Amino acid sequence: MTALGFLYPGHSAEDDYPRMEQLLGSDIRLQVVHTDIGEDAHRVDALLEMGAPARLAAGVEELRLTGAEAVVWACTSGSFVYGWEGAHDQVRALARAAGLPASSTSFAFVHAVREVGAARVAVAATYPEDVAGHFAAFLSAAGISVVSSRGSGIITAAEVGTWGRDEVLALAREGDHPEAQALLLPDTALHTAAYVQELEGELGKPVLTANQVTAWEALRLASRRVNAPTLGALFTRQPVVQAPTD
């Protein structure tokens, strides 16, 4: 059995993880440990505090007891807001505290974009525009071309967690761009695990979502590859056929 650990801030869309666990197979366990979210706000100062080393380290002991082989900080905004170098420092500190291979959702997006072979991406974010801009800058620092970035102005993870299928599909449609080879939906507070395949079918391109790439990143750290078509192109060996552009 492969046990994978996730430090998840607060309570919003953590039920995506048992859903993904069912889709990945009986020998994989996705163990979620909740961290103290502090102030629930998609605001730079609050996000820096949410991802502070002490908050992450507080969940490490419980995570160790799960027998996890790797750990991922399951938060996009609470990692990219530190910038490219700062996010590396955050992950290194987590790896030292846990004594395990570690990563974060922001780096998961970078690795997933490369995995699906996308050079140009669009970002459809729940965040306010300034926070979405920090994510676009993080991707650009990784050498990924961001052809469009759209924020939705949602301040709290609690509100994002109430969004369902209709809101997620609308976010994807409005945030896609014809030049993008993949669409990215950051924010682990957003429920997406049930909709990835439908989103890709409608848009005709890989769709990468926060909880989906976080699970994939943990598997990557544990050197596991799993074929799970319901979780999209990232979890298959066959790329999604690109939709024709005008």
C-alpha atoms as a PDB file:
ATOM      1  CA  MET A   1       0.000   0.000   0.000  1.00  0.00           C
ATOM      2  CA  THR A   2       1.140   3.547  -0.750  1.00  0.00           C
ATOM      3  CA  ALA A   3       0.154   6.095   1.913  1.00  0.00           C
ATOM      4  CA  LEU A   4       0.384   9.755   0.954  1.00  0.00           C
ATOM      5  CA  GLY A   5       0.045  12.704   3.334  1.00  0.00           C
ATOM      6  CA  PHE A   6      -1.566  16.082   2.780  1.00  0.00           C
ATOM      7  CA  LEU A   7      -1.520  19.133   5.017  1.00  0.00           C
ATOM      8  CA  TYR A   8      -4.812  20.826   4.180  1.00  0.00           C
ATOM      9  CA  PRO A   9      -5.723  24.290   5.492  1.00  0.00           C
ATOM     10  CA  GLY A  10      -9.019  24.379   7.326  1.00  0.00           C
ATOM     11  CA  HIS A  11     -12.159  22.712   5.998  1.00  0.00           C
ATOM     12  CA  SER A  12     -13.550  23.468   2.543  1.00  0.00           C
ATOM     13  CA  ALA A  13     -13.130  20.818  -0.162  1.00  0.00           C
ATOM     14  CA  GLU A  14     -11.205  18.114   1.684  1.00  0.00           C
ATOM     15  CA  ASP A  15     -13.857  15.589   0.626  1.00  0.00           C
ATOM     16  CA  ASP A  16     -12.219  15.670  -2.811  1.00  0.00           C
ATOM     17  CA  TYR A  17      -9.475  13.447  -1.301  1.00  0.00           C
ATOM     18  CA  PRO A  18     -11.580  10.403  -0.345  1.00  0.00           C
ATOM     19  CA  ARG A  19     -13.277  10.772  -3.733  1.00  0.00           C
ATOM     20  CA  MET A  20      -9.916  10.689  -5.501  1.00  0.00           C
ATOM     21  CA  GLU A  21      -8.748   7.822  -3.312  1.00  0.00           C
ATOM     22  CA  GLN A  22     -11.661   5.718  -4.585  1.00  0.00           C
ATOM     23  CA  LEU A  23     -10.732   6.556  -8.175  1.00  0.00           C
ATOM     24  CA  LEU A  24      -7.031   5.787  -7.755  1.00  0.00           C
ATOM     25  CA  GLY A  25      -7.256   2.199  -6.557  1.00  0.00           C
ATOM     26  CA  SER A  26      -7.370   0.065  -3.452  1.00  0.00           C
ATOM     27  CA  ASP A  27      -3.628   0.185  -2.669  1.00  0.00           C
ATOM     28  CA  ILE A  28      -3.395   3.990  -2.353  1.00  0.00           C
ATOM     29  CA  ARG A  29      -4.347   5.970   0.748  1.00  0.00           C
ATOM     30  CA  LEU A  30      -4.702   9.752   0.747  1.00  0.00           C
ATOM     31  CA  GLN A  31      -4.300  10.881   4.361  1.00  0.00           C
ATOM     32  CA  VAL A  32      -5.471  14.444   5.103  1.00  0.00           C
ATOM     33  CA  VAL A  33      -4.291  16.339   8.175  1.00  0.00           C
ATOM     34  CA  HIS A  34      -5.854  19.767   8.736  1.00  0.00           C
ATOM     35  CA  THR A  35      -3.777  22.812   9.588  1.00  0.00           C
ATOM     36  CA  ASP A  36      -4.963  25.945  11.347  1.00  0.00           C
ATOM     37  CA  ILE A  37      -6.074  28.350   8.620  1.00  0.00           C
ATOM     38  CA  GLY A  38      -5.767  31.469  10.770  1.00  0.00           C
ATOM     39  CA  GLU A  39      -7.732  34.249   9.069  1.00  0.00           C
ATOM     40  CA  ASP A  40      -9.759  32.881   6.155  1.00  0.00           C
ATOM     41  CA  ALA A  41      -8.906  35.496   3.546  1.00  0.00           C
ATOM     42  CA  HIS A  42      -7.452  35.460   0.041  1.00  0.00           C
ATOM     43  CA  ARG A  43      -5.273  38.415   0.989  1.00  0.00           C
ATOM     44  CA  VAL A  44      -1.486  38.387   0.726  1.00  0.00           C
ATOM     45  CA  ASP A  45      -0.731  39.013   4.401  1.00  0.00           C
ATOM     46  CA  ALA A  46      -3.237  36.377   5.559  1.00  0.00           C
ATOM     47  CA  LEU A  47      -1.920  33.872   3.022  1.00  0.00           C
ATOM     48  CA  LEU A  48       1.673  34.379   4.154  1.00  0.00           C
ATOM     49  CA  GLU A  49       0.588  33.644   7.723  1.00  0.00           C
ATOM     50  CA  MET A  50      -1.424  30.592   6.614  1.00  0.00           C
ATOM     51  CA  GLY A  51       1.681  29.048   5.034  1.00  0.00           C
ATOM     52  CA  ALA A  52       4.084  29.957   7.832  1.00  0.00           C
ATOM     53  CA  PRO A  53       6.502  27.159   8.856  1.00  0.00           C
ATOM     54  CA  ALA A  54       5.102  26.904  12.388  1.00  0.00           C
ATOM     55  CA  ARG A  55       1.569  26.275  11.103  1.00  0.00           C
ATOM     56  CA  LEU A  56       2.755  23.537   8.758  1.00  0.00           C
ATOM     57  CA  ALA A  57       5.052  21.951  11.321  1.00  0.00           C
ATOM     58  CA  ALA A  58       2.147  21.699  13.763  1.00  0.00           C
ATOM     59  CA  GLY A  59       0.503  19.078  11.559  1.00  0.00           C
ATOM     60  CA  VAL A  60       3.618  17.048  10.859  1.00  0.00           C
ATOM     61  CA  GLU A  61       3.499  14.751  13.901  1.00  0.00           C
ATOM     62  CA  GLU A  62      -0.071  13.658  13.173  1.00  0.00           C
ATOM     63  CA  LEU A  63       0.906  13.119   9.560  1.00  0.00           C
ATOM     64  CA  ARG A  64       3.861  10.923  10.545  1.00  0.00           C
ATOM     65  CA  LEU A  65       1.487   8.639  12.449  1.00  0.00           C
ATOM     66  CA  THR A  66      -0.390   7.921   9.195  1.00  0.00           C
ATOM     67  CA  GLY A  67       2.680   6.223   7.759  1.00  0.00           C
ATOM     68  CA  ALA A  68       2.802   8.627   4.826  1.00  0.00           C
ATOM     69  CA  GLU A  69       5.661   8.196   2.351  1.00  0.00           C
ATOM     70  CA  ALA A  70       5.478  11.792   1.106  1.00  0.00           C
ATOM     71  CA  VAL A  71       3.743  15.015   2.089  1.00  0.00           C
ATOM     72  CA  VAL A  72       2.248  17.849   0.060  1.00  0.00           C
ATOM     73  CA  TRP A  73       1.161  21.225   1.428  1.00  0.00           C
ATOM     74  CA  ALA A  74      -2.296  21.178  -0.137  1.00  0.00           C
ATOM     75  CA  CYS A  75      -2.642  24.895  -0.666  1.00  0.00           C
ATOM     76  CA  THR A  76      -1.976  26.901  -3.802  1.00  0.00           C
ATOM     77  CA  SER A  77      -2.259  30.492  -2.599  1.00  0.00           C
ATOM     78  CA  GLY A  78      -0.462  29.732   0.673  1.00  0.00           C
ATOM     79  CA  SER A  79       2.577  28.634  -1.327  1.00  0.00           C
ATOM     80  CA  PHE A  80       2.845  30.760  -4.503  1.00  0.00           C
ATOM     81  CA  VAL A  81       2.346  33.951  -2.505  1.00  0.00           C
ATOM     82  CA  TYR A  82       5.886  33.408  -1.181  1.00  0.00           C
ATOM     83  CA  GLY A  83       7.289  33.704  -4.702  1.00  0.00           C
ATOM     84  CA  TRP A  84       9.429  31.175  -6.546  1.00  0.00           C
ATOM     85  CA  GLU A  85      12.359  31.144  -4.120  1.00  0.00           C
ATOM     86  CA  GLY A  86      10.243  31.545  -1.003  1.00  0.00           C
ATOM     87  CA  ALA A  87       8.025  28.631  -2.019  1.00  0.00           C
ATOM     88  CA  HIS A  88      11.138  26.480  -2.394  1.00  0.00           C
ATOM     89  CA  ASP A  89      12.220  27.481   1.110  1.00  0.00           C
ATOM     90  CA  GLN A  90       8.750  26.595   2.418  1.00  0.00           C
ATOM     91  CA  VAL A  91       8.903  23.094   0.918  1.00  0.00           C
ATOM     92  CA  ARG A  92      12.450  22.491   2.155  1.00  0.00           C
ATOM     93  CA  ALA A  93      11.395  23.433   5.686  1.00  0.00           C
ATOM     94  CA  LEU A  94       8.417  21.081   5.452  1.00  0.00           C
ATOM     95  CA  ALA A  95      10.609  18.227   4.229  1.00  0.00           C
ATOM     96  CA  ARG A  96      12.996  18.747   7.154  1.00  0.00           C
ATOM     97  CA  ALA A  97      10.174  18.899   9.686  1.00  0.00           C
ATOM     98  CA  ALA A  98       8.460  15.801   8.313  1.00  0.00           C
ATOM     99  CA  GLY A  99      11.551  13.815   7.386  1.00  0.00           C
ATOM    100  CA  LEU A 100       9.780  13.015   4.104  1.00  0.00           C
ATOM    101  CA  PRO A 101       9.848  14.097   0.458  1.00  0.00           C
ATOM    102  CA  ALA A 102       7.687  17.216   0.302  1.00  0.00           C
ATOM    103  CA  SER A 103       6.090  19.592  -2.157  1.00  0.00           C
ATOM    104  CA  SER A 104       3.176  22.030  -2.424  1.00  0.00           C
ATOM    105  CA  THR A 105       0.216  22.543  -4.719  1.00  0.00           C
ATOM    106  CA  SER A 106       1.951  25.414  -6.511  1.00  0.00           C
ATOM    107  CA  PHE A 107       4.862  23.187  -7.535  1.00  0.00           C
ATOM    108  CA  ALA A 108       2.351  20.455  -8.337  1.00  0.00           C
ATOM    109  CA  PHE A 109       0.842  22.757 -10.950  1.00  0.00           C
ATOM    110  CA  VAL A 110       4.256  23.423 -12.484  1.00  0.00           C
ATOM    111  CA  HIS A 111       5.110  19.725 -12.702  1.00  0.00           C
ATOM    112  CA  ALA A 112       1.628  18.835 -13.995  1.00  0.00           C
ATOM    113  CA  VAL A 113       1.784  21.458 -16.757  1.00  0.00           C
ATOM    114  CA  ARG A 114       5.058  19.922 -17.901  1.00  0.00           C
ATOM    115  CA  GLU A 115       3.603  16.415 -17.654  1.00  0.00           C
ATOM    116  CA  VAL A 116       0.752  17.224 -20.061  1.00  0.00           C
ATOM    117  CA  GLY A 117       3.131  19.007 -22.417  1.00  0.00           C
ATOM    118  CA  ALA A 118       1.521  22.446 -22.249  1.00  0.00           C
ATOM    119  CA  ALA A 119       3.699  25.460 -23.050  1.00  0.00           C
ATOM    120  CA  ARG A 120       0.866  28.001 -22.811  1.00  0.00           C
ATOM    121  CA  VAL A 121      -1.808  28.020 -20.111  1.00  0.00           C
ATOM    122  CA  ALA A 122      -4.828  29.992 -18.970  1.00  0.00           C
ATOM    123  CA  VAL A 123      -5.623  30.566 -15.306  1.00  0.00           C
ATOM    124  CA  ALA A 124      -9.212  30.682 -14.048  1.00  0.00           C
ATOM    125  CA  ALA A 125      -8.985  31.509 -10.346  1.00  0.00           C
ATOM    126  CA  THR A 126     -11.485  31.982  -7.554  1.00  0.00           C
ATOM    127  CA  TYR A 127      -9.181  34.584  -5.991  1.00  0.00           C
ATOM    128  CA  PRO A 128      -9.203  38.361  -6.244  1.00  0.00           C
ATOM    129  CA  GLU A 129      -7.281  39.635  -9.276  1.00  0.00           C
ATOM    130  CA  ASP A 130      -4.144  40.613  -7.350  1.00  0.00           C
ATOM    131  CA  VAL A 131      -3.783  37.154  -5.813  1.00  0.00           C
ATOM    132  CA  ALA A 132      -4.420  35.497  -9.194  1.00  0.00           C
ATOM    133  CA  GLY A 133      -1.638  37.703 -10.526  1.00  0.00           C
ATOM    134  CA  HIS A 134       0.787  36.246  -7.967  1.00  0.00           C
ATOM    135  CA  PHE A 135      -0.021  32.763  -9.278  1.00  0.00           C
ATOM    136  CA  ALA A 136       0.546  33.859 -12.878  1.00  0.00           C
ATOM    137  CA  ALA A 137       3.902  35.342 -11.843  1.00  0.00           C
ATOM    138  CA  PHE A 138       4.857  32.083 -10.112  1.00  0.00           C
ATOM    139  CA  LEU A 139       4.084  30.102 -13.269  1.00  0.00           C
ATOM    140  CA  SER A 140       6.038  32.581 -15.382  1.00  0.00           C
ATOM    141  CA  ALA A 141       9.037  32.134 -13.065  1.00  0.00           C
ATOM    142  CA  ALA A 142       8.843  28.408 -13.903  1.00  0.00           C
ATOM    143  CA  GLY A 143       9.052  29.198 -17.623  1.00  0.00           C
ATOM    144  CA  ILE A 144       5.339  28.651 -18.315  1.00  0.00           C
ATOM    145  CA  SER A 145       3.613  31.144 -20.608  1.00  0.00           C
ATOM    146  CA  VAL A 146       0.369  32.437 -19.075  1.00  0.00           C
ATOM    147  CA  VAL A 147      -1.763  33.686 -21.970  1.00  0.00           C
ATOM    148  CA  SER A 148      -4.635  34.824 -19.737  1.00  0.00           C
ATOM    149  CA  SER A 149      -5.395  35.061 -16.021  1.00  0.00           C
ATOM    150  CA  ARG A 150      -8.822  35.679 -14.527  1.00  0.00           C
ATOM    151  CA  GLY A 151      -9.766  36.236 -10.898  1.00  0.00           C
ATOM    152  CA  SER A 152     -13.259  35.900  -9.452  1.00  0.00           C
ATOM    153  CA  GLY A 153     -12.933  38.155  -6.441  1.00  0.00           C
ATOM    154  CA  ILE A 154     -13.809  35.511  -3.826  1.00  0.00           C
ATOM    155  CA  ILE A 155     -12.259  36.429  -0.490  1.00  0.00           C
ATOM    156  CA  THR A 156     -12.799  33.316   1.658  1.00  0.00           C
ATOM    157  CA  ALA A 157     -12.145  29.617   1.228  1.00  0.00           C
ATOM    158  CA  ALA A 158     -15.435  28.996   3.006  1.00  0.00           C
ATOM    159  CA  GLU A 159     -17.349  30.628   0.157  1.00  0.00           C
ATOM    160  CA  VAL A 160     -15.331  28.806  -2.503  1.00  0.00           C
ATOM    161  CA  GLY A 161     -16.143  25.512  -0.770  1.00  0.00           C
ATOM    162  CA  THR A 162     -19.853  26.079  -1.411  1.00  0.00           C
ATOM    163  CA  TRP A 163     -19.399  26.168  -5.192  1.00  0.00           C
ATOM    164  CA  GLY A 164     -20.783  23.197  -7.106  1.00  0.00           C
ATOM    165  CA  ARG A 165     -20.718  21.859 -10.643  1.00  0.00           C
ATOM    166  CA  ASP A 166     -22.447  24.819 -12.293  1.00  0.00           C
ATOM    167  CA  GLU A 167     -20.103  27.385 -10.752  1.00  0.00           C
ATOM    168  CA  VAL A 168     -17.006  25.323 -11.584  1.00  0.00           C
ATOM    169  CA  LEU A 169     -18.052  24.858 -15.211  1.00  0.00           C
ATOM    170  CA  ALA A 170     -18.841  28.562 -15.546  1.00  0.00           C
ATOM    171  CA  LEU A 171     -15.441  29.465 -14.072  1.00  0.00           C
ATOM    172  CA  ALA A 172     -13.703  27.182 -16.570  1.00  0.00           C
ATOM    173  CA  ARG A 173     -15.636  28.438 -19.584  1.00  0.00           C
ATOM    174  CA  GLU A 174     -15.079  32.083 -18.719  1.00  0.00           C
ATOM    175  CA  GLY A 175     -11.403  31.606 -17.885  1.00  0.00           C
ATOM    176  CA  ASP A 176     -10.354  29.514 -20.876  1.00  0.00           C
ATOM    177  CA  HIS A 177      -8.412  31.046 -23.755  1.00  0.00           C
ATOM    178  CA  PRO A 178      -8.137  29.730 -27.336  1.00  0.00           C
ATOM    179  CA  GLU A 179      -4.324  29.923 -27.273  1.00  0.00           C
ATOM    180  CA  ALA A 180      -4.016  28.007 -23.999  1.00  0.00           C
ATOM    181  CA  GLN A 181      -2.960  24.365 -24.242  1.00  0.00           C
ATOM    182  CA  ALA A 182      -4.226  23.706 -20.724  1.00  0.00           C
ATOM    183  CA  LEU A 183      -6.555  25.422 -18.273  1.00  0.00           C
ATOM    184  CA  LEU A 184      -5.572  25.767 -14.615  1.00  0.00           C
ATOM    185  CA  LEU A 185      -8.081  26.078 -11.763  1.00  0.00           C
ATOM    186  CA  PRO A 186      -6.117  26.874  -8.588  1.00  0.00           C
ATOM    187  CA  ASP A 187      -7.532  26.802  -5.025  1.00  0.00           C
ATOM    188  CA  THR A 188      -7.778  23.572  -3.031  1.00  0.00           C
ATOM    189  CA  ALA A 189     -10.960  24.992  -1.440  1.00  0.00           C
ATOM    190  CA  LEU A 190     -12.721  24.400  -4.783  1.00  0.00           C
ATOM    191  CA  HIS A 191     -14.468  21.054  -5.338  1.00  0.00           C
ATOM    192  CA  THR A 192     -13.283  19.764  -8.720  1.00  0.00           C
ATOM    193  CA  ALA A 193     -12.505  16.025  -8.478  1.00  0.00           C
ATOM    194  CA  ALA A 194     -15.958  15.060  -9.756  1.00  0.00           C
ATOM    195  CA  TYR A 195     -15.839  17.403 -12.741  1.00  0.00           C
ATOM    196  CA  VAL A 196     -12.386  17.117 -14.357  1.00  0.00           C
ATOM    197  CA  GLN A 197     -13.382  14.663 -17.066  1.00  0.00           C
ATOM    198  CA  GLU A 198     -16.468  16.696 -17.948  1.00  0.00           C
ATOM    199  CA  LEU A 199     -14.442  19.911 -18.079  1.00  0.00           C
ATOM    200  CA  GLU A 200     -11.883  18.381 -20.415  1.00  0.00           C
ATOM    201  CA  GLY A 201     -14.593  16.974 -22.646  1.00  0.00           C
ATOM    202  CA  GLU A 202     -16.188  20.391 -22.981  1.00  0.00           C
ATOM    203  CA  LEU A 203     -13.006  22.414 -23.458  1.00  0.00           C
ATOM    204  CA  GLY A 204     -11.066  19.847 -25.478  1.00  0.00           C
ATOM    205  CA  LYS A 205      -7.831  20.319 -23.555  1.00  0.00           C
ATOM    206  CA  PRO A 206      -6.234  19.225 -20.266  1.00  0.00           C
ATOM    207  CA  VAL A 207      -7.762  20.852 -17.205  1.00  0.00           C
ATOM    208  CA  LEU A 208      -5.568  20.953 -14.114  1.00  0.00           C
ATOM    209  CA  THR A 209      -7.237  21.614 -10.770  1.00  0.00           C
ATOM    210  CA  ALA A 210      -5.700  22.182  -7.356  1.00  0.00           C
ATOM    211  CA  ASN A 211      -6.726  19.013  -5.529  1.00  0.00           C
ATOM    212  CA  GLN A 212      -6.196  16.864  -8.626  1.00  0.00           C
ATOM    213  CA  VAL A 213      -2.601  18.050  -9.167  1.00  0.00           C
ATOM    214  CA  THR A 214      -1.907  17.817  -5.426  1.00  0.00           C
ATOM    215  CA  ALA A 215      -2.799  14.120  -5.379  1.00  0.00           C
ATOM    216  CA  TRP A 216      -0.768  13.548  -8.557  1.00  0.00           C
ATOM    217  CA  GLU A 217       2.240  15.346  -7.046  1.00  0.00           C
ATOM    218  CA  ALA A 218       2.191  13.109  -3.978  1.00  0.00           C
ATOM    219  CA  LEU A 219       2.122  10.055  -6.232  1.00  0.00           C
ATOM    220  CA  ARG A 220       5.046  11.509  -8.202  1.00  0.00           C
ATOM    221  CA  LEU A 221       7.050  11.957  -5.001  1.00  0.00           C
ATOM    222  CA  ALA A 222       6.341   8.316  -4.136  1.00  0.00           C
ATOM    223  CA  SER A 223       7.328   7.196  -7.670  1.00  0.00           C
ATOM    224  CA  ARG A 224       3.830   5.911  -8.398  1.00  0.00           C
ATOM    225  CA  ARG A 225       1.995   6.291 -11.698  1.00  0.00           C
ATOM    226  CA  VAL A 226      -1.724   5.556 -11.741  1.00  0.00           C
ATOM    227  CA  ASN A 227      -4.059   5.409 -14.708  1.00  0.00           C
ATOM    228  CA  ALA A 228      -7.319   7.087 -13.631  1.00  0.00           C
ATOM    229  CA  PRO A 229      -9.114   8.585 -16.669  1.00  0.00           C
ATOM    230  CA  THR A 230     -11.889  10.093 -14.553  1.00  0.00           C
ATOM    231  CA  LEU A 231      -9.248  12.414 -13.092  1.00  0.00           C
ATOM    232  CA  GLY A 232      -8.332  13.721 -16.517  1.00  0.00           C
ATOM    233  CA  ALA A 233      -5.445  13.776 -18.954  1.00  0.00           C
ATOM    234  CA  LEU A 234      -2.913  14.158 -16.140  1.00  0.00           C
ATOM    235  CA  PHE A 235      -3.789  10.643 -14.961  1.00  0.00           C
ATOM    236  CA  THR A 236      -3.805   8.969 -18.373  1.00  0.00           C
ATOM    237  CA  ARG A 237      -1.153   8.047 -20.876  1.00  0.00           C
ATOM    238  CA  GLN A 238      -3.215   9.390 -23.770  1.00  0.00           C
ATOM    239  CA  PRO A 239      -3.234  13.195 -24.178  1.00  0.00           C
ATOM    240  CA  VAL A 240      -6.519  15.010 -24.696  1.00  0.00           C
ATOM    241  CA  VAL A 241      -6.987  15.980 -28.356  1.00  0.00           C
ATOM    242  CA  GLN A 242      -6.651  19.743 -28.630  1.00  0.00           C
ATOM    243  CA  ALA A 243      -9.770  21.595 -29.738  1.00  0.00           C
ATOM    244  CA  PRO A 244      -9.399  23.373 -33.118  1.00  0.00           C
ATOM    245  CA  THR A 245      -8.791  27.114 -32.942  1.00  0.00           C
ATOM    246  CA  ASP A 246      -9.971  29.788 -35.361  1.00  0.00           C
END
